Amino acid sequence: MPSFNIGLTGLNAASSDLQVTGHNIANSSTAGFKRSRAEFADVFALSYTGVSKTATGSGVNLASVTQQFTQGDLNFSDNNLDLAINGQGFFILDRDGITEYTRAGQFQVDKDGFIVNSAGQRLQGYPPEGGNLLQSMQLTIGDSEPQPTTAINALMNLSSDAEPVDGPIDPEDPETYNYSTSLTIYDSLGSARAVTLFFRREDPPENKTWEVVAAIREPDGTLAIVGNDTLVFNNDGTLASGELEINYADPPNGADDLEITVDFGDTTQYGSRFSVAALRQDGYTAGQLVSVDVDSDGTIFARYSNGANRSLGQVALANFDNPQGLQPVGGTNWVVTAASGEPLLGRGGESNFGLVQGGAYEAANVNIADQLVKLITAQRNFQANAQVISTADTLTQTIINIR
């Protein structure tokens, strides 16, 4: 009887639904897992002339099992190399020339410094110097080398009420200047040195000029003058001209000569008191690695105790015209197929790509409550189709027993 076959197709369909739902539930705690959905289609007996108006159908079959690439929740962790994509995209993995794609971003560093997942597949990215050439991301982490100071930016106000002082400036004599301020600079060996800027208002006041002198404290305690220039102000109190060049030759510790440009930029001469709003320099001493952080565009930074940051590379992302066409290969990974199309490569935050979240991983997009309801429904369907077969068997026995 056709009812046996119809019931059998229903049992097979319900069994497939149970398998898909069970697979989703089993992976509800798997990072980067994407749930699947069983899709079914009815079966009709066809003839060359079409479907009969009295056709009753021939059951059901499994049309496809589709993956649902909706966003999973982000779980934060203490591992800064745990990565999550908030939006579209896949991480790119490579091992022995085989490329796979994943949403599971639980990474660590292997003995050679490569960023890998638990299976040893290497995360792909772009080199720190830029470009679009993919390579396995390798963290070459060490101490930060010192950087000598080459520029100082000074923002201050030299009071227009200050009295002129006879020159020239003698750093050792406070009577020869109006104001002074100090900051720390660094030489090529990372040694810190204190440089002091001295300011003297020149006579006559209506010329609006100031002598500025830079001096560095020598090991014997004396102040060596290493720069001298003049600042000229406009009638409105803004700086008209003036830039100081510091030249410190033959530092006693054997470091390279220091050549520093002091930019007074927006320094003013207003009636308010002398004040220093900013005094910044670009040098730093040697530093110890403090942390490795990941920006939202996927750039990995090494941050050091001296305040320096260094790019170690940028995580590459891939996207597809049809992600559901990707073939799952286990390990929460997928490979390209003709149905998915070729990957589009990019970076976090670009068009068609989500943002990269460091110190977090994406949880499975499985709603347990929803899957349990589906499980009960699939079980009921299985029982109902079993009842169809049982009923058909009863009818068959009745027919056989007719005498």
Protein backbone atom coordinates (compact mmCIF):
# COMPACT_ATOMS: atom_id res chain seq x y z
CA MET A 1 0.00 0.00 0.00
CA PRO A 2 1.22 3.56 -0.71
CA SER A 3 0.54 4.44 2.92
CA PHE A 4 3.52 2.32 3.98
CA ASN A 5 5.87 4.28 1.72
CA ILE A 6 4.33 7.60 2.72
CA GLY A 7 4.72 6.74 6.39
CA LEU A 8 8.29 5.59 5.77
CA THR A 9 9.20 8.90 4.10
CA GLY A 10 7.68 10.67 7.09
CA LEU A 11 9.77 8.58 9.49
CA ASN A 12 12.93 9.34 7.52
CA ALA A 13 12.11 13.06 7.47
CA ALA A 14 11.36 13.15 11.19
CA SER A 15 14.56 11.20 11.87
CA SER A 16 16.57 13.75 9.85
CA ASP A 17 14.89 16.58 11.75
CA LEU A 18 15.83 14.89 15.04
CA GLN A 19 19.44 14.50 13.90
CA VAL A 20 19.75 18.15 12.86
CA THR A 21 18.14 19.39 16.08
CA GLY A 22 20.27 17.05 18.19
CA HIS A 23 23.39 18.27 16.39
CA ASN A 24 22.44 21.88 17.19
CA ILE A 25 21.86 21.08 20.86
CA ALA A 26 25.11 19.11 21.11
CA ASN A 27 27.05 22.14 19.81
CA SER A 28 25.26 24.79 21.84
CA SER A 29 28.51 25.48 23.72
CA THR A 30 30.80 25.30 20.67
CA ALA A 31 32.41 28.67 19.89
CA GLY A 32 31.58 29.95 16.42
CA PHE A 33 29.08 27.17 15.72
CA LYS A 34 26.20 28.00 13.37
CA ARG A 35 22.95 26.10 13.80
CA SER A 36 21.40 24.17 10.93
CA ARG A 37 17.82 23.84 9.80
CA ALA A 38 16.26 20.84 8.07
CA GLU A 39 14.08 21.85 5.13
CA PHE A 40 11.55 19.46 3.60
CA ALA A 41 9.54 19.18 0.39
CA ASP A 42 6.43 17.17 -0.41
CA VAL A 43 6.50 14.37 -3.00
CA PHE A 44 3.86 13.94 -5.70
CA ALA A 45 3.61 11.16 -8.28
CA LEU A 46 3.95 12.84 -11.66
CA SER A 47 3.08 11.66 -15.14
CA TYR A 48 4.01 13.02 -18.53
CA THR A 49 0.61 14.68 -18.74
CA GLY A 50 0.91 16.42 -15.37
CA VAL A 51 -0.48 15.83 -11.90
CA SER A 52 -3.84 14.14 -11.63
CA LYS A 53 -6.58 16.04 -9.85
CA THR A 54 -7.04 12.99 -7.67
CA ALA A 55 -3.35 12.54 -6.80
CA THR A 56 -2.92 12.05 -3.07
CA GLY A 57 0.84 12.58 -2.91
CA SER A 58 3.70 10.24 -2.10
CA GLY A 59 5.07 11.64 1.14
CA VAL A 60 7.98 13.90 1.98
CA ASN A 61 11.72 14.11 1.42
CA LEU A 62 14.60 16.07 2.90
CA ALA A 63 15.19 18.99 0.53
CA SER A 64 18.28 20.42 2.22
CA VAL A 65 20.01 21.17 5.50
CA THR A 66 20.83 24.88 5.55
CA GLN A 67 23.15 26.70 7.93
CA GLN A 68 21.90 29.80 9.70
CA PHE A 69 24.67 32.42 9.82
CA THR A 70 23.02 34.75 12.30
CA GLN A 71 25.17 36.56 14.86
CA GLY A 72 26.02 34.71 18.06
CA ASP A 73 26.51 36.37 21.43
CA LEU A 74 29.97 37.65 22.32
CA ASN A 75 31.60 36.05 25.36
CA PHE A 76 34.46 38.06 26.86
CA SER A 77 37.60 36.34 28.14
CA ASP A 78 41.00 37.09 29.68
CA ASN A 79 42.82 36.06 26.48
CA ASN A 80 43.38 39.12 24.28
CA LEU A 81 43.91 36.83 21.28
CA ASP A 82 40.37 35.49 21.54
CA LEU A 83 38.74 37.20 18.57
CA ALA A 84 35.11 37.65 17.57
CA ILE A 85 33.54 39.18 14.48
CA ASN A 86 30.60 41.40 15.29
CA GLY A 87 28.91 41.35 11.90
CA GLN A 88 29.73 39.68 8.61
CA GLY A 89 32.91 37.84 7.76
CA PHE A 90 35.06 34.81 8.52
CA PHE A 91 38.56 34.34 9.86
CA ILE A 92 40.95 32.77 7.35
CA LEU A 93 42.95 29.71 8.44
CA ASP A 94 45.78 27.90 6.69
CA ARG A 95 47.70 24.71 7.29
CA ASP A 96 49.94 23.06 4.72
CA GLY A 97 48.44 25.19 1.96
CA ILE A 98 44.84 24.20 2.75
CA THR A 99 42.62 27.23 3.38
CA GLU A 100 39.56 27.04 5.59
CA TYR A 101 37.23 29.64 7.07
CA THR A 102 35.79 29.93 10.56
CA ARG A 103 33.86 32.11 12.99
CA ALA A 104 35.52 30.43 15.98
CA GLY A 105 38.13 32.90 17.18
CA GLN A 106 39.77 31.13 20.11
CA PHE A 107 43.43 31.65 19.25
CA GLN A 108 46.77 31.39 21.00
CA VAL A 109 50.45 31.66 20.08
CA ASP A 110 52.47 28.54 19.27
CA LYS A 111 56.16 27.98 20.04
CA ASP A 112 57.17 29.75 16.82
CA GLY A 113 55.08 32.82 17.53
CA PHE A 114 52.30 32.04 15.03
CA ILE A 115 48.69 32.74 15.99
CA VAL A 116 46.92 29.38 15.77
CA ASN A 117 43.69 27.69 16.80
CA SER A 118 43.48 24.49 18.83
CA ALA A 119 43.99 22.43 15.66
CA GLY A 120 47.23 24.23 14.82
CA GLN A 121 45.78 26.11 11.85
CA ARG A 122 47.42 29.50 11.39
CA LEU A 123 45.42 32.72 11.34
CA GLN A 124 45.95 34.72 8.15
CA GLY A 125 46.46 38.47 8.04
CA TYR A 126 48.29 41.40 6.54
CA PRO A 127 51.89 42.40 7.44
CA PRO A 128 52.50 45.35 9.78
CA GLU A 129 53.99 47.42 6.96
CA GLY A 130 50.66 47.21 5.09
CA GLY A 131 49.74 45.79 1.70
CA ASN A 132 47.25 43.13 0.63
CA LEU A 133 49.48 40.06 0.64
CA LEU A 134 48.09 37.42 3.01
CA GLN A 135 50.49 35.69 5.35
CA SER A 136 50.39 33.62 8.51
CA MET A 137 50.29 36.02 11.44
CA GLN A 138 53.42 35.74 13.56
CA LEU A 139 54.00 37.84 16.65
CA THR A 140 57.63 38.91 16.95
CA ILE A 141 57.42 40.28 20.45
CA GLY A 142 60.35 41.72 22.32
CA ASP A 143 61.31 44.79 24.29
CA SER A 144 60.71 48.17 22.71
CA GLU A 145 63.91 49.91 21.64
CA PRO A 146 64.44 53.48 22.85
CA GLN A 147 63.61 56.38 20.58
CA PRO A 148 65.55 59.65 20.91
CA THR A 149 63.62 62.87 21.18
CA THR A 150 63.52 64.77 17.89
CA ALA A 151 60.59 67.15 18.44
CA ILE A 152 59.03 69.11 21.28
CA ASN A 153 55.64 70.80 21.06
CA ALA A 154 55.19 73.65 23.51
CA LEU A 155 51.91 75.44 24.21
CA MET A 156 52.15 78.20 26.81
CA ASN A 157 51.33 81.80 27.60
CA LEU A 158 54.07 84.36 28.25
CA SER A 159 52.44 87.16 30.19
CA SER A 160 52.31 90.51 28.40
CA ASP A 161 52.54 92.15 31.85
CA ALA A 162 56.04 90.79 32.45
CA GLU A 163 58.77 93.39 32.91
CA PRO A 164 61.69 93.41 30.46
CA VAL A 165 64.92 91.92 31.80
CA ASP A 166 68.43 92.86 30.77
CA GLY A 167 70.15 90.06 28.91
CA PRO A 168 71.59 87.77 28.05
CA ILE A 169 70.05 84.79 29.84
CA ASP A 170 72.27 83.04 32.36
CA PRO A 171 70.60 79.71 33.32
CA GLU A 172 72.40 79.83 36.67
CA ASP A 173 71.06 83.32 37.51
CA PRO A 174 67.27 83.66 38.05
CA GLU A 175 67.62 87.44 37.79
CA THR A 176 68.37 87.15 34.05
CA TYR A 177 65.09 85.61 32.92
CA ASN A 178 61.34 85.90 33.58
CA TYR A 179 60.15 82.31 33.38
CA SER A 180 61.43 78.76 33.05
CA THR A 181 59.93 75.32 32.55
CA SER A 182 61.46 71.85 32.26
CA LEU A 183 60.70 68.51 30.66
CA THR A 184 62.38 65.14 30.24
CA ILE A 185 63.87 64.13 26.91
CA TYR A 186 65.60 60.89 25.81
CA ASP A 187 68.79 60.15 23.91
CA SER A 188 69.49 57.27 21.50
CA LEU A 189 70.38 54.95 24.40
CA GLY A 190 67.11 55.67 26.17
CA SER A 191 68.73 57.72 28.93
CA ALA A 192 66.53 60.45 30.33
CA ARG A 193 67.76 64.02 30.43
CA ALA A 194 66.16 67.16 31.77
CA VAL A 195 66.02 70.12 29.41
CA THR A 196 64.96 73.52 30.75
CA LEU A 197 63.54 76.36 28.64
CA PHE A 198 64.24 79.89 29.88
CA PHE A 199 62.30 82.96 28.69
CA ARG A 200 63.36 86.61 28.93
CA ARG A 201 61.24 89.54 27.79
CA GLU A 202 63.37 91.90 25.76
CA ASP A 203 63.39 95.70 25.88
CA PRO A 204 61.53 97.66 24.60
CA PRO A 205 58.21 95.90 25.44
CA GLU A 206 56.46 97.24 22.36
CA ASN A 207 58.65 95.01 20.18
CA LYS A 208 56.89 91.97 21.72
CA THR A 209 60.01 89.82 21.56
CA TRP A 210 61.28 87.16 23.95
CA GLU A 211 64.63 85.49 24.13
CA VAL A 212 64.37 81.73 24.66
CA VAL A 213 67.26 79.53 25.75
CA ALA A 214 67.43 75.75 26.18
CA ALA A 215 69.85 74.22 28.68
CA ILE A 216 70.67 70.64 29.69
CA ARG A 217 72.05 69.65 33.09
CA GLU A 218 75.48 68.06 32.74
CA PRO A 219 76.72 65.22 35.01
CA ASP A 220 78.84 67.73 36.95
CA GLY A 221 75.69 69.71 37.76
CA THR A 222 76.29 72.64 35.43
CA LEU A 223 73.74 73.83 32.88
CA ALA A 224 74.97 73.72 29.28
CA ILE A 225 73.19 76.01 26.80
CA VAL A 226 72.16 73.91 23.79
CA GLY A 227 69.84 76.31 21.96
CA ASN A 228 68.99 79.99 21.66
CA ASP A 229 66.42 81.91 19.61
CA THR A 230 63.86 84.72 19.67
CA LEU A 231 60.05 84.55 19.80
CA VAL A 232 58.13 87.40 18.13
CA PHE A 233 54.42 88.01 18.82
CA ASN A 234 51.71 89.84 16.88
CA ASN A 235 49.68 92.72 18.28
CA ASP A 236 46.83 90.31 19.06
CA GLY A 237 49.11 88.16 21.24
CA THR A 238 49.56 85.28 18.81
CA LEU A 239 52.97 84.00 17.81
CA ALA A 240 54.36 85.58 14.66
CA SER A 241 57.63 83.66 14.44
CA GLY A 242 60.05 81.67 16.47
CA GLU A 243 61.29 78.09 16.52
CA LEU A 244 64.06 76.77 18.70
CA GLU A 245 66.68 74.28 17.53
CA ILE A 246 68.38 72.23 20.25
CA ASN A 247 71.76 70.72 19.41
CA TYR A 248 73.49 68.66 22.08
CA ALA A 249 76.75 67.20 20.79
CA ASP A 250 78.76 64.35 22.30
CA PRO A 251 76.58 63.33 25.25
CA PRO A 252 78.83 61.98 28.02
CA ASN A 253 77.24 58.50 27.94
CA GLY A 254 78.27 57.92 24.31
CA ALA A 255 74.78 58.38 22.82
CA ASP A 256 74.25 60.00 19.43
CA ASP A 257 74.08 63.76 19.16
CA LEU A 258 70.67 65.17 20.03
CA GLU A 259 68.99 67.38 17.43
CA ILE A 260 65.57 68.57 18.56
CA THR A 261 63.14 71.08 17.07
CA VAL A 262 60.96 72.95 19.57
CA ASP A 263 57.71 74.11 17.98
CA PHE A 264 56.01 76.84 20.01
CA GLY A 265 52.97 76.66 17.70
CA ASP A 266 50.04 78.28 19.47
CA THR A 267 52.07 79.90 22.25
CA THR A 268 50.60 83.30 23.15
CA GLN A 269 51.45 86.57 24.84
CA TYR A 270 48.28 87.54 26.69
CA GLY A 271 47.73 89.58 29.82
CA SER A 272 47.10 86.52 31.97
CA ARG A 273 49.84 84.94 34.07
CA PHE A 274 52.55 82.66 32.74
CA SER A 275 51.20 79.15 32.19
CA VAL A 276 52.19 75.94 30.43
CA ALA A 277 49.23 74.17 28.80
CA ALA A 278 51.24 71.45 27.06
CA LEU A 279 54.84 70.37 26.74
CA ARG A 280 55.17 67.17 24.72
CA GLN A 281 58.13 65.31 23.24
CA ASP A 282 58.30 62.25 20.99
CA GLY A 283 61.09 60.22 22.60
CA TYR A 284 60.98 57.35 25.05
CA THR A 285 63.24 54.97 26.89
CA ALA A 286 63.40 51.20 26.36
CA GLY A 287 60.18 49.48 27.36
CA GLN A 288 58.91 46.11 28.52
CA LEU A 289 55.95 44.45 26.82
CA VAL A 290 52.78 45.14 28.80
CA SER A 291 50.02 43.67 26.64
CA VAL A 292 48.91 42.65 23.17
CA ASP A 293 45.66 44.32 22.13
CA VAL A 294 43.44 44.11 19.06
CA ASP A 295 41.66 47.11 17.57
CA SER A 296 38.23 46.93 15.95
CA ASP A 297 39.78 46.89 12.47
CA GLY A 298 41.77 43.78 13.40
CA THR A 299 45.13 45.51 13.90
CA ILE A 300 47.16 43.75 16.59
CA PHE A 301 49.26 46.09 18.75
CA ALA A 302 52.05 45.42 21.20
CA ARG A 303 51.88 47.96 24.02
CA TYR A 304 54.96 48.72 26.11
CA SER A 305 55.71 50.15 29.53
CA ASN A 306 57.25 53.27 27.96
CA GLY A 307 53.97 54.18 26.28
CA ALA A 308 55.08 53.02 22.83
CA ASN A 309 52.74 51.00 20.60
CA ARG A 310 53.84 48.81 17.71
CA SER A 311 51.67 47.22 15.04
CA LEU A 312 52.24 43.48 14.66
CA GLY A 313 49.91 43.02 11.69
CA GLN A 314 46.22 43.10 10.83
CA VAL A 315 43.75 40.22 10.85
CA ALA A 316 42.27 39.49 7.41
CA LEU A 317 38.58 38.68 6.97
CA ALA A 318 36.73 36.90 4.17
CA ASN A 319 33.12 37.14 3.07
CA PHE A 320 31.02 35.32 0.48
CA ASP A 321 28.11 36.11 -1.81
CA ASN A 322 26.38 32.98 -0.53
CA PRO A 323 27.73 31.86 2.86
CA GLN A 324 25.14 29.06 2.98
CA GLY A 325 26.93 27.53 0.02
CA LEU A 326 30.05 26.90 2.14
CA GLN A 327 30.81 23.27 2.91
CA PRO A 328 31.28 22.44 6.62
CA VAL A 329 34.33 20.24 7.20
CA GLY A 330 34.27 19.91 10.98
CA GLY A 331 36.16 21.82 13.62
CA THR A 332 33.69 24.69 13.10
CA ASN A 333 35.38 25.33 9.75
CA TRP A 334 34.10 25.70 6.20
CA VAL A 335 35.65 25.46 2.74
CA VAL A 336 34.78 27.20 -0.50
CA THR A 337 32.42 25.58 -3.01
CA ALA A 338 31.03 26.64 -6.38
CA ALA A 339 27.79 27.51 -4.59
CA SER A 340 29.47 29.88 -2.13
CA GLY A 341 31.53 31.74 -4.70
CA GLU A 342 35.10 32.91 -4.26
CA PRO A 343 36.00 34.79 -1.06
CA LEU A 344 36.02 38.58 -0.88
CA LEU A 345 38.93 39.67 1.30
CA GLY A 346 38.92 42.72 3.54
CA ARG A 347 39.48 44.19 6.98
CA GLY A 348 37.34 44.79 10.02
CA GLY A 349 34.99 47.74 9.65
CA GLU A 350 35.15 47.89 5.86
CA SER A 351 32.03 47.54 3.72
CA ASN A 352 30.53 44.03 4.01
CA PHE A 353 32.70 43.23 7.02
CA GLY A 354 31.96 43.39 10.73
CA LEU A 355 34.15 44.73 13.50
CA VAL A 356 36.78 42.61 15.23
CA GLN A 357 36.45 42.34 19.00
CA GLY A 358 39.59 41.35 20.88
CA GLY A 359 39.38 39.49 24.18
CA ALA A 360 36.09 37.86 23.19
CA TYR A 361 34.78 34.92 21.18
CA GLU A 362 31.48 34.32 19.46
CA ALA A 363 29.18 31.80 21.10
CA ALA A 364 27.04 29.36 19.13
CA ASN A 365 23.87 30.93 17.73
CA VAL A 366 21.79 28.11 19.24
CA ASN A 367 18.75 28.94 21.36
CA ILE A 368 18.33 25.90 23.60
CA ALA A 369 14.67 26.61 24.39
CA ASP A 370 13.86 26.91 20.69
CA GLN A 371 15.74 23.71 19.86
CA LEU A 372 13.98 21.75 22.62
CA VAL A 373 10.63 22.79 21.17
CA LYS A 374 11.82 21.63 17.75
CA LEU A 375 12.98 18.37 19.32
CA ILE A 376 9.54 17.71 20.79
CA THR A 377 7.91 18.59 17.47
CA ALA A 378 10.19 16.22 15.55
CA GLN A 379 9.46 13.48 18.10
CA ARG A 380 5.71 13.99 17.66
CA ASN A 381 6.13 13.86 13.89
CA PHE A 382 8.05 10.61 14.20
CA GLN A 383 5.34 9.10 16.39
CA ALA A 384 2.60 10.28 14.03
CA ASN A 385 4.27 8.76 10.98
CA ALA A 386 4.84 5.53 12.88
CA GLN A 387 1.10 5.55 13.56
CA VAL A 388 0.45 5.93 9.81
CA ILE A 389 2.42 2.75 9.17
CA SER A 390 0.66 0.98 12.04
CA THR A 391 -2.75 1.99 10.69
CA ALA A 392 -1.82 0.89 7.17
CA ASP A 393 -0.72 -2.44 8.59
CA THR A 394 -4.06 -2.86 10.37
CA LEU A 395 -5.92 -2.13 7.13
CA THR A 396 -3.76 -4.60 5.27
CA GLN A 397 -4.46 -7.31 7.84
CA THR A 398 -8.17 -6.58 7.58
CA ILE A 399 -8.06 -7.01 3.81
CA ILE A 400 -6.07 -10.23 4.13
CA ASN A 401 -8.60 -11.63 6.59
CA ILE A 402 -11.55 -11.06 4.22
CA ARG A 403 -12.95 -14.42 3.11
